[in-house]
Amino acid sequence: MKYLKQFLIILAISFIGEILKYIVPLPIPASIYGMVIMFICLQTKILKLDDVKSVGKFLIEIMPVMFIPAGVGLMSSWGTLKPVLVPVSVITVVVIITVMLASGWVSQLIIRRDKKKETENE
């Protein structure tokens, strides 16, 4: 029963995100609305982490299974993808490296800022 309740909470928040997608005239996916709502609910203690933690962990564990249909879809459209494979691959590698560099840079800025605040407080 605990898992069903947790799953229904996550489903309800996702549903609210879907509704917001149609109400708010912005090009934002419903899943982003749902994640923001979940974040706000967790931060404001409307929801406790224990209210969704077990099912959240389960969904993360089975996430690789969710990519199987996408992989099959890519394989079935190989004829369409073959001519653009090299440009898409190059773009993917460049974007991955860019994101890694940007994430590392931002992380280091945050760590340095926190260390600076700690030394000023001492």
C-alpha atoms as a PDB file:
ATOM      1  CA  MET A   1       0.000   0.000   0.000  1.00  0.00           C
ATOM      2  CA  LYS A   2       2.920   2.330   0.795  1.00  0.00           C
ATOM      3  CA  TYR A   3       4.325   1.958  -2.708  1.00  0.00           C
ATOM      4  CA  LEU A   4       0.966   2.525  -4.332  1.00  0.00           C
ATOM      5  CA  LYS A   5       0.494   5.753  -2.348  1.00  0.00           C
ATOM      6  CA  GLN A   6       3.976   6.987  -3.302  1.00  0.00           C
ATOM      7  CA  PHE A   7       3.450   6.132  -6.954  1.00  0.00           C
ATOM      8  CA  LEU A   8       0.087   7.916  -6.988  1.00  0.00           C
ATOM      9  CA  ILE A   9       1.693  11.040  -5.482  1.00  0.00           C
ATOM     10  CA  ILE A  10       4.320  11.077  -8.236  1.00  0.00           C
ATOM     11  CA  LEU A  11       1.645  10.395 -10.860  1.00  0.00           C
ATOM     12  CA  ALA A  12      -0.568  13.209  -9.520  1.00  0.00           C
ATOM     13  CA  ILE A  13       2.303  15.694  -9.681  1.00  0.00           C
ATOM     14  CA  SER A  14       3.099  14.559 -13.227  1.00  0.00           C
ATOM     15  CA  PHE A  15      -0.562  15.023 -14.137  1.00  0.00           C
ATOM     16  CA  ILE A  16      -0.542  18.556 -12.714  1.00  0.00           C
ATOM     17  CA  GLY A  17       2.530  19.209 -14.878  1.00  0.00           C
ATOM     18  CA  GLU A  18       0.603  17.994 -17.933  1.00  0.00           C
ATOM     19  CA  ILE A  19      -2.275  20.309 -17.098  1.00  0.00           C
ATOM     20  CA  LEU A  20       0.105  23.255 -16.647  1.00  0.00           C
ATOM     21  CA  LYS A  21       1.640  22.542 -20.056  1.00  0.00           C
ATOM     22  CA  TYR A  22      -1.718  23.235 -21.677  1.00  0.00           C
ATOM     23  CA  ILE A  23      -2.651  26.169 -19.433  1.00  0.00           C
ATOM     24  CA  VAL A  24       0.637  28.105 -19.469  1.00  0.00           C
ATOM     25  CA  PRO A  25       1.558  29.276 -22.998  1.00  0.00           C
ATOM     26  CA  LEU A  26       5.289  28.558 -22.716  1.00  0.00           C
ATOM     27  CA  PRO A  27       7.291  25.985 -24.711  1.00  0.00           C
ATOM     28  CA  ILE A  28       8.188  24.007 -21.581  1.00  0.00           C
ATOM     29  CA  PRO A  29       7.671  20.215 -21.425  1.00  0.00           C
ATOM     30  CA  ALA A  30       5.167  18.886 -18.900  1.00  0.00           C
ATOM     31  CA  SER A  31       7.877  16.825 -17.216  1.00  0.00           C
ATOM     32  CA  ILE A  32       9.764  20.019 -16.335  1.00  0.00           C
ATOM     33  CA  TYR A  33       6.646  21.494 -14.766  1.00  0.00           C
ATOM     34  CA  GLY A  34       6.240  18.274 -12.793  1.00  0.00           C
ATOM     35  CA  MET A  35       9.835  18.308 -11.582  1.00  0.00           C
ATOM     36  CA  VAL A  36       9.551  21.941 -10.508  1.00  0.00           C
ATOM     37  CA  ILE A  37       6.321  21.216  -8.637  1.00  0.00           C
ATOM     38  CA  MET A  38       7.932  18.204  -6.931  1.00  0.00           C
ATOM     39  CA  PHE A  39      10.983  20.295  -6.012  1.00  0.00           C
ATOM     40  CA  ILE A  40       8.840  23.070  -4.552  1.00  0.00           C
ATOM     41  CA  CYS A  41       6.723  20.582  -2.600  1.00  0.00           C
ATOM     42  CA  LEU A  42       9.826  18.915  -1.158  1.00  0.00           C
ATOM     43  CA  GLN A  43      11.534  22.211  -0.321  1.00  0.00           C
ATOM     44  CA  THR A  44       8.481  23.705   1.358  1.00  0.00           C
ATOM     45  CA  LYS A  45       7.868  20.455   3.263  1.00  0.00           C
ATOM     46  CA  ILE A  46       4.418  20.052   1.700  1.00  0.00           C
ATOM     47  CA  LEU A  47       5.760  16.604   0.817  1.00  0.00           C
ATOM     48  CA  LYS A  48       8.276  14.786   2.934  1.00  0.00           C
ATOM     49  CA  LEU A  49      11.047  12.914   1.166  1.00  0.00           C
ATOM     50  CA  ASP A  50       9.821   9.685   2.753  1.00  0.00           C
ATOM     51  CA  ASP A  51       6.480  10.202   0.958  1.00  0.00           C
ATOM     52  CA  VAL A  52       8.101   9.467  -2.426  1.00  0.00           C
ATOM     53  CA  LYS A  53      11.582   8.094  -1.702  1.00  0.00           C
ATOM     54  CA  SER A  54      11.059   4.333  -2.147  1.00  0.00           C
ATOM     55  CA  VAL A  55       9.187   4.548  -5.430  1.00  0.00           C
ATOM     56  CA  GLY A  56      11.558   7.277  -6.659  1.00  0.00           C
ATOM     57  CA  LYS A  57      14.519   4.964  -6.072  1.00  0.00           C
ATOM     58  CA  PHE A  58      12.702   2.138  -7.842  1.00  0.00           C
ATOM     59  CA  LEU A  59      11.930   4.314 -10.867  1.00  0.00           C
ATOM     60  CA  ILE A  60      15.560   5.399 -11.081  1.00  0.00           C
ATOM     61  CA  GLU A  61      16.700   1.760 -10.894  1.00  0.00           C
ATOM     62  CA  ILE A  62      14.477   0.708 -13.808  1.00  0.00           C
ATOM     63  CA  MET A  63      15.255   3.802 -15.901  1.00  0.00           C
ATOM     64  CA  PRO A  64      17.525   1.906 -18.353  1.00  0.00           C
ATOM     65  CA  VAL A  65      14.534  -0.251 -19.329  1.00  0.00           C
ATOM     66  CA  MET A  66      12.697   2.896 -20.392  1.00  0.00           C
ATOM     67  CA  PHE A  67      15.335   3.558 -23.079  1.00  0.00           C
ATOM     68  CA  ILE A  68      14.720   0.249 -24.882  1.00  0.00           C
ATOM     69  CA  PRO A  69      11.795   1.554 -26.991  1.00  0.00           C
ATOM     70  CA  ALA A  70      13.826   4.604 -28.009  1.00  0.00           C
ATOM     71  CA  GLY A  71      16.744   2.378 -29.018  1.00  0.00           C
ATOM     72  CA  VAL A  72      14.458   0.147 -31.067  1.00  0.00           C
ATOM     73  CA  GLY A  73      12.998   3.243 -32.716  1.00  0.00           C
ATOM     74  CA  LEU A  74      16.488   4.400 -33.675  1.00  0.00           C
ATOM     75  CA  MET A  75      17.330   0.989 -35.108  1.00  0.00           C
ATOM     76  CA  SER A  76      14.140   0.867 -37.166  1.00  0.00           C
ATOM     77  CA  SER A  77      14.887   4.280 -38.707  1.00  0.00           C
ATOM     78  CA  TRP A  78      18.528   3.493 -39.554  1.00  0.00           C
ATOM     79  CA  GLY A  79      17.982   4.369 -43.235  1.00  0.00           C
ATOM     80  CA  THR A  80      16.972   7.908 -42.320  1.00  0.00           C
ATOM     81  CA  LEU A  81      19.740   8.374 -39.754  1.00  0.00           C
ATOM     82  CA  LYS A  82      22.630   6.915 -41.776  1.00  0.00           C
ATOM     83  CA  PRO A  83      23.301  10.041 -43.922  1.00  0.00           C
ATOM     84  CA  VAL A  84      23.474  12.331 -40.868  1.00  0.00           C
ATOM     85  CA  LEU A  85      25.325   9.961 -38.541  1.00  0.00           C
ATOM     86  CA  VAL A  86      28.712  11.737 -38.690  1.00  0.00           C
ATOM     87  CA  PRO A  87      27.387  15.283 -38.100  1.00  0.00           C
ATOM     88  CA  VAL A  88      25.126  14.095 -35.280  1.00  0.00           C
ATOM     89  CA  SER A  89      28.003  12.170 -33.689  1.00  0.00           C
ATOM     90  CA  VAL A  90      30.335  15.181 -33.868  1.00  0.00           C
ATOM     91  CA  ILE A  91      27.684  17.482 -32.438  1.00  0.00           C
ATOM     92  CA  THR A  92      26.972  14.991 -29.636  1.00  0.00           C
ATOM     93  CA  VAL A  93      30.643  14.743 -28.653  1.00  0.00           C
ATOM     94  CA  VAL A  94      31.092  18.525 -28.731  1.00  0.00           C
ATOM     95  CA  VAL A  95      27.969  19.076 -26.617  1.00  0.00           C
ATOM     96  CA  ILE A  96      29.018  16.419 -24.085  1.00  0.00           C
ATOM     97  CA  ILE A  97      32.457  17.993 -23.677  1.00  0.00           C
ATOM     98  CA  THR A  98      30.945  21.485 -23.427  1.00  0.00           C
ATOM     99  CA  VAL A  99      28.457  20.409 -20.763  1.00  0.00           C
ATOM    100  CA  MET A 100      31.183  18.623 -18.785  1.00  0.00           C
ATOM    101  CA  LEU A 101      33.428  21.681 -18.890  1.00  0.00           C
ATOM    102  CA  ALA A 102      30.626  24.069 -17.956  1.00  0.00           C
ATOM    103  CA  SER A 103      29.456  21.823 -15.107  1.00  0.00           C
ATOM    104  CA  GLY A 104      32.974  21.484 -13.744  1.00  0.00           C
ATOM    105  CA  TRP A 105      33.585  25.220 -13.980  1.00  0.00           C
ATOM    106  CA  VAL A 106      30.334  26.084 -12.199  1.00  0.00           C
ATOM    107  CA  SER A 107      30.996  23.440  -9.529  1.00  0.00           C
ATOM    108  CA  GLN A 108      34.455  24.850  -8.868  1.00  0.00           C
ATOM    109  CA  LEU A 109      33.057  28.389  -8.627  1.00  0.00           C
ATOM    110  CA  ILE A 110      30.501  27.235  -6.067  1.00  0.00           C
ATOM    111  CA  ILE A 111      33.105  25.299  -4.057  1.00  0.00           C
ATOM    112  CA  ARG A 112      35.479  28.284  -4.035  1.00  0.00           C
ATOM    113  CA  ARG A 113      32.681  30.612  -2.984  1.00  0.00           C
ATOM    114  CA  ASP A 114      31.684  28.287  -0.135  1.00  0.00           C
ATOM    115  CA  LYS A 115      35.289  27.970   1.043  1.00  0.00           C
ATOM    116  CA  LYS A 116      35.667  31.748   0.918  1.00  0.00           C
ATOM    117  CA  LYS A 117      32.533  32.192   3.055  1.00  0.00           C
ATOM    118  CA  GLU A 118      33.808  29.591   5.553  1.00  0.00           C
ATOM    119  CA  THR A 119      37.161  31.390   5.951  1.00  0.00           C
ATOM    120  CA  GLU A 120      35.420  34.744   6.384  1.00  0.00           C
ATOM    121  CA  ASN A 121      33.147  33.302   9.090  1.00  0.00           C
ATOM    122  CA  GLU A 122      36.081  31.912  11.091  1.00  0.00           C
END
